[in-house]
Amino acid sequence: MHKRKREAKAEVKDIRIQRLLGNGMASPRRERTVDEVKDRYYSVARALKVHLGHNDHVIVTKPFDAEAEIRRKSDLEKYYMRTK
């Protein structure tokens, strides 16, 4: 009996996901890198701060640079490997 309930719930969930995907929405299971998530977070936080008029906040004055963060991590890994 429990197995049928679980299967029914899974089927309903699959139908909901298909409806979402059919409406042109992004896949809910897309994997993102940490830097993509951070970039999205800081861009939304910056937009909110600007909208609220907090133009002197650090998120507004020094926006997150995803490319610089990726370069920084790459350089850090190179330096780390050099010391081994």
N, C-alpha and C. Protein backbone atom coordinates (compact mmCIF):
# COMPACT_ATOMS: atom_id res chain seq x y z
N MET A 1 0.81 -1.19 0.00
CA MET A 1 0.00 0.00 0.00
C MET A 1 0.86 1.26 0.00
N HIS A 2 1.92 1.28 0.84
CA HIS A 2 2.80 2.45 0.91
C HIS A 2 3.53 2.67 -0.40
N LYS A 3 3.87 1.58 -1.06
CA LYS A 3 4.59 1.70 -2.32
C LYS A 3 3.74 2.41 -3.36
N ARG A 4 2.47 2.12 -3.40
CA ARG A 4 1.57 2.79 -4.35
C ARG A 4 1.46 4.28 -4.05
N LYS A 5 1.40 4.63 -2.78
CA LYS A 5 1.32 6.05 -2.40
C LYS A 5 2.58 6.78 -2.84
N ARG A 6 3.75 6.15 -2.60
CA ARG A 6 5.01 6.77 -3.00
C ARG A 6 5.09 6.93 -4.51
N GLU A 7 4.65 5.91 -5.22
CA GLU A 7 4.67 5.98 -6.68
C GLU A 7 3.72 7.07 -7.18
N ALA A 8 2.57 7.20 -6.56
CA ALA A 8 1.61 8.24 -6.95
C ALA A 8 2.18 9.63 -6.68
N LYS A 9 2.82 9.79 -5.53
CA LYS A 9 3.44 11.09 -5.21
C LYS A 9 4.55 11.41 -6.20
N ALA A 10 5.36 10.42 -6.54
CA ALA A 10 6.45 10.64 -7.50
C ALA A 10 5.89 11.01 -8.86
N GLU A 11 4.80 10.39 -9.24
CA GLU A 11 4.18 10.69 -10.53
C GLU A 11 3.63 12.12 -10.54
N VAL A 12 3.00 12.52 -9.46
CA VAL A 12 2.49 13.90 -9.36
C VAL A 12 3.65 14.89 -9.43
N LYS A 13 4.74 14.57 -8.76
CA LYS A 13 5.91 15.45 -8.78
C LYS A 13 6.46 15.56 -10.20
N ASP A 14 6.55 14.44 -10.90
CA ASP A 14 7.03 14.46 -12.29
C ASP A 14 6.13 15.30 -13.18
N ILE A 15 4.82 15.18 -12.97
CA ILE A 15 3.88 15.99 -13.76
C ILE A 15 4.09 17.47 -13.49
N ARG A 16 4.28 17.84 -12.23
CA ARG A 16 4.51 19.24 -11.88
C ARG A 16 5.79 19.77 -12.53
N ILE A 17 6.84 18.97 -12.50
CA ILE A 17 8.10 19.39 -13.12
C ILE A 17 7.92 19.56 -14.62
N GLN A 18 7.20 18.64 -15.25
CA GLN A 18 6.97 18.75 -16.69
C GLN A 18 6.17 20.00 -17.01
N ARG A 19 5.21 20.35 -16.17
CA ARG A 19 4.43 21.57 -16.38
C ARG A 19 5.33 22.80 -16.28
N LEU A 20 6.21 22.79 -15.29
CA LEU A 20 7.14 23.91 -15.13
C LEU A 20 8.05 24.05 -16.34
N LEU A 21 8.56 22.92 -16.79
CA LEU A 21 9.47 22.95 -17.94
C LEU A 21 8.72 23.33 -19.21
N GLY A 22 7.47 22.94 -19.31
CA GLY A 22 6.67 23.28 -20.47
C GLY A 22 6.36 24.77 -20.56
N ASN A 23 6.42 25.47 -19.43
CA ASN A 23 6.16 26.91 -19.40
C ASN A 23 7.41 27.73 -19.67
N GLY A 24 8.47 27.09 -20.06
CA GLY A 24 9.70 27.82 -20.37
C GLY A 24 10.55 28.14 -19.15
N MET A 25 10.24 27.59 -18.00
CA MET A 25 11.02 27.87 -16.81
C MET A 25 12.27 26.99 -16.82
N ALA A 26 13.27 27.41 -16.10
CA ALA A 26 14.52 26.68 -16.03
C ALA A 26 14.33 25.36 -15.29
N SER A 27 15.19 24.42 -15.58
CA SER A 27 15.14 23.13 -14.92
C SER A 27 15.46 23.30 -13.44
N PRO A 28 14.65 22.73 -12.54
CA PRO A 28 14.92 22.90 -11.12
C PRO A 28 16.15 22.12 -10.65
N ARG A 29 16.69 21.26 -11.48
CA ARG A 29 17.83 20.42 -11.06
C ARG A 29 19.14 20.84 -11.70
N ARG A 30 19.20 22.03 -12.28
CA ARG A 30 20.43 22.49 -12.92
C ARG A 30 21.50 22.73 -11.85
N GLU A 31 22.65 22.14 -12.04
CA GLU A 31 23.73 22.33 -11.08
C GLU A 31 24.50 23.58 -11.46
N ARG A 32 24.81 24.38 -10.45
CA ARG A 32 25.55 25.61 -10.66
C ARG A 32 26.82 25.56 -9.83
N THR A 33 27.82 26.30 -10.29
CA THR A 33 29.06 26.39 -9.52
C THR A 33 28.86 27.36 -8.37
N VAL A 34 29.75 27.30 -7.42
CA VAL A 34 29.69 28.22 -6.28
C VAL A 34 29.80 29.66 -6.77
N ASP A 35 30.65 29.90 -7.75
CA ASP A 35 30.83 31.25 -8.25
C ASP A 35 29.59 31.77 -8.97
N GLU A 36 28.85 30.89 -9.67
CA GLU A 36 27.61 31.30 -10.30
C GLU A 36 26.56 31.68 -9.26
N VAL A 37 26.50 30.90 -8.18
CA VAL A 37 25.54 31.18 -7.11
C VAL A 37 25.90 32.50 -6.42
N LYS A 38 27.19 32.68 -6.14
CA LYS A 38 27.62 33.93 -5.50
C LYS A 38 27.35 35.13 -6.38
N ASP A 39 27.60 35.00 -7.68
CA ASP A 39 27.36 36.10 -8.61
C ASP A 39 25.88 36.47 -8.62
N ARG A 40 25.02 35.47 -8.67
CA ARG A 40 23.58 35.73 -8.66
C ARG A 40 23.15 36.38 -7.35
N TYR A 41 23.64 35.85 -6.23
CA TYR A 41 23.28 36.39 -4.91
C TYR A 41 23.68 37.86 -4.80
N TYR A 42 24.92 38.16 -5.14
CA TYR A 42 25.39 39.53 -4.99
C TYR A 42 24.73 40.49 -5.98
N SER A 43 24.36 40.01 -7.16
CA SER A 43 23.67 40.90 -8.10
C SER A 43 22.27 41.23 -7.59
N VAL A 44 21.58 40.26 -7.01
CA VAL A 44 20.26 40.51 -6.45
C VAL A 44 20.37 41.40 -5.22
N ALA A 45 21.34 41.12 -4.35
CA ALA A 45 21.52 41.94 -3.15
C ALA A 45 21.86 43.38 -3.52
N ARG A 46 22.68 43.55 -4.55
CA ARG A 46 23.05 44.90 -5.00
C ARG A 46 21.82 45.63 -5.54
N ALA A 47 21.01 44.95 -6.34
CA ALA A 47 19.80 45.56 -6.89
C ALA A 47 18.85 45.99 -5.77
N LEU A 48 18.73 45.16 -4.74
CA LEU A 48 17.87 45.53 -3.61
C LEU A 48 18.41 46.75 -2.86
N LYS A 49 19.71 46.77 -2.64
CA LYS A 49 20.30 47.91 -1.93
C LYS A 49 20.13 49.20 -2.72
N VAL A 50 20.33 49.14 -4.03
CA VAL A 50 20.14 50.32 -4.88
C VAL A 50 18.68 50.76 -4.84
N HIS A 51 17.77 49.81 -4.93
CA HIS A 51 16.34 50.13 -4.91
C HIS A 51 15.93 50.78 -3.59
N LEU A 52 16.51 50.30 -2.49
CA LEU A 52 16.18 50.86 -1.18
C LEU A 52 16.92 52.15 -0.87
N GLY A 53 17.83 52.55 -1.76
CA GLY A 53 18.55 53.80 -1.58
C GLY A 53 19.79 53.71 -0.71
N HIS A 54 20.29 52.52 -0.49
CA HIS A 54 21.50 52.33 0.32
C HIS A 54 22.72 52.34 -0.60
N ASN A 55 22.96 53.45 -1.24
CA ASN A 55 24.02 53.55 -2.24
C ASN A 55 25.43 53.57 -1.65
N ASP A 56 25.55 53.74 -0.34
CA ASP A 56 26.87 53.74 0.28
C ASP A 56 27.24 52.37 0.85
N HIS A 57 26.40 51.36 0.65
CA HIS A 57 26.69 50.01 1.16
C HIS A 57 27.82 49.39 0.35
N VAL A 58 28.60 48.52 0.98
CA VAL A 58 29.77 47.92 0.35
C VAL A 58 29.38 47.07 -0.87
N ILE A 59 28.23 46.45 -0.85
CA ILE A 59 27.79 45.64 -2.00
C ILE A 59 27.55 46.52 -3.21
N VAL A 60 27.14 47.75 -2.98
CA VAL A 60 26.90 48.68 -4.08
C VAL A 60 28.20 49.31 -4.55
N THR A 61 29.05 49.72 -3.62
CA THR A 61 30.28 50.42 -3.99
C THR A 61 31.34 49.50 -4.57
N LYS A 62 31.39 48.25 -4.11
CA LYS A 62 32.37 47.28 -4.63
C LYS A 62 31.64 46.01 -5.04
N PRO A 63 31.06 45.98 -6.25
CA PRO A 63 30.28 44.80 -6.67
C PRO A 63 31.16 43.57 -6.83
N PHE A 64 30.55 42.41 -6.69
CA PHE A 64 31.23 41.13 -6.81
C PHE A 64 31.66 40.91 -8.26
N ASP A 65 32.92 40.51 -8.44
CA ASP A 65 33.45 40.24 -9.77
C ASP A 65 33.73 38.75 -9.88
N ALA A 66 32.85 38.03 -10.58
CA ALA A 66 32.96 36.57 -10.67
C ALA A 66 34.24 36.15 -11.39
N GLU A 67 34.61 36.86 -12.44
CA GLU A 67 35.82 36.50 -13.18
C GLU A 67 37.06 36.65 -12.32
N ALA A 68 37.12 37.71 -11.54
CA ALA A 68 38.26 37.92 -10.63
C ALA A 68 38.30 36.83 -9.56
N GLU A 69 37.14 36.41 -9.09
CA GLU A 69 37.09 35.35 -8.08
C GLU A 69 37.60 34.02 -8.65
N ILE A 70 37.23 33.73 -9.89
CA ILE A 70 37.70 32.50 -10.53
C ILE A 70 39.21 32.55 -10.73
N ARG A 71 39.73 33.71 -11.18
CA ARG A 71 41.18 33.87 -11.33
C ARG A 71 41.89 33.73 -9.99
N ARG A 72 41.32 34.33 -8.95
CA ARG A 72 41.92 34.28 -7.61
C ARG A 72 42.02 32.83 -7.13
N LYS A 73 40.96 32.05 -7.32
CA LYS A 73 40.97 30.65 -6.89
C LYS A 73 41.98 29.84 -7.69
N SER A 74 42.07 30.12 -8.99
CA SER A 74 43.03 29.42 -9.84
C SER A 74 44.46 29.73 -9.41
N ASP A 75 44.74 31.00 -9.16
CA ASP A 75 46.08 31.40 -8.72
C ASP A 75 46.41 30.78 -7.37
N LEU A 76 45.44 30.76 -6.47
CA LEU A 76 45.66 30.18 -5.16
C LEU A 76 46.00 28.70 -5.28
N GLU A 77 45.30 28.00 -6.15
CA GLU A 77 45.59 26.58 -6.36
C GLU A 77 46.98 26.37 -6.94
N LYS A 78 47.40 27.25 -7.88
CA LYS A 78 48.75 27.15 -8.45
C LYS A 78 49.81 27.34 -7.37
N TYR A 79 49.63 28.35 -6.51
CA TYR A 79 50.59 28.60 -5.44
C TYR A 79 50.63 27.45 -4.44
N TYR A 80 49.48 26.89 -4.17
CA TYR A 80 49.41 25.77 -3.25
C TYR A 80 50.16 24.56 -3.81
N MET A 81 49.95 24.27 -5.10
CA MET A 81 50.61 23.12 -5.71
C MET A 81 52.12 23.34 -5.79
N ARG A 82 52.55 24.58 -5.89
CA ARG A 82 53.97 24.89 -5.99
C ARG A 82 54.70 24.63 -4.68
N THR A 83 54.00 24.75 -3.55
CA THR A 83 54.65 24.56 -2.26
C THR A 83 54.74 23.11 -1.84
N LYS A 84 54.09 22.22 -2.56
CA LYS A 84 54.13 20.79 -2.17
C LYS A 84 55.41 20.14 -2.58
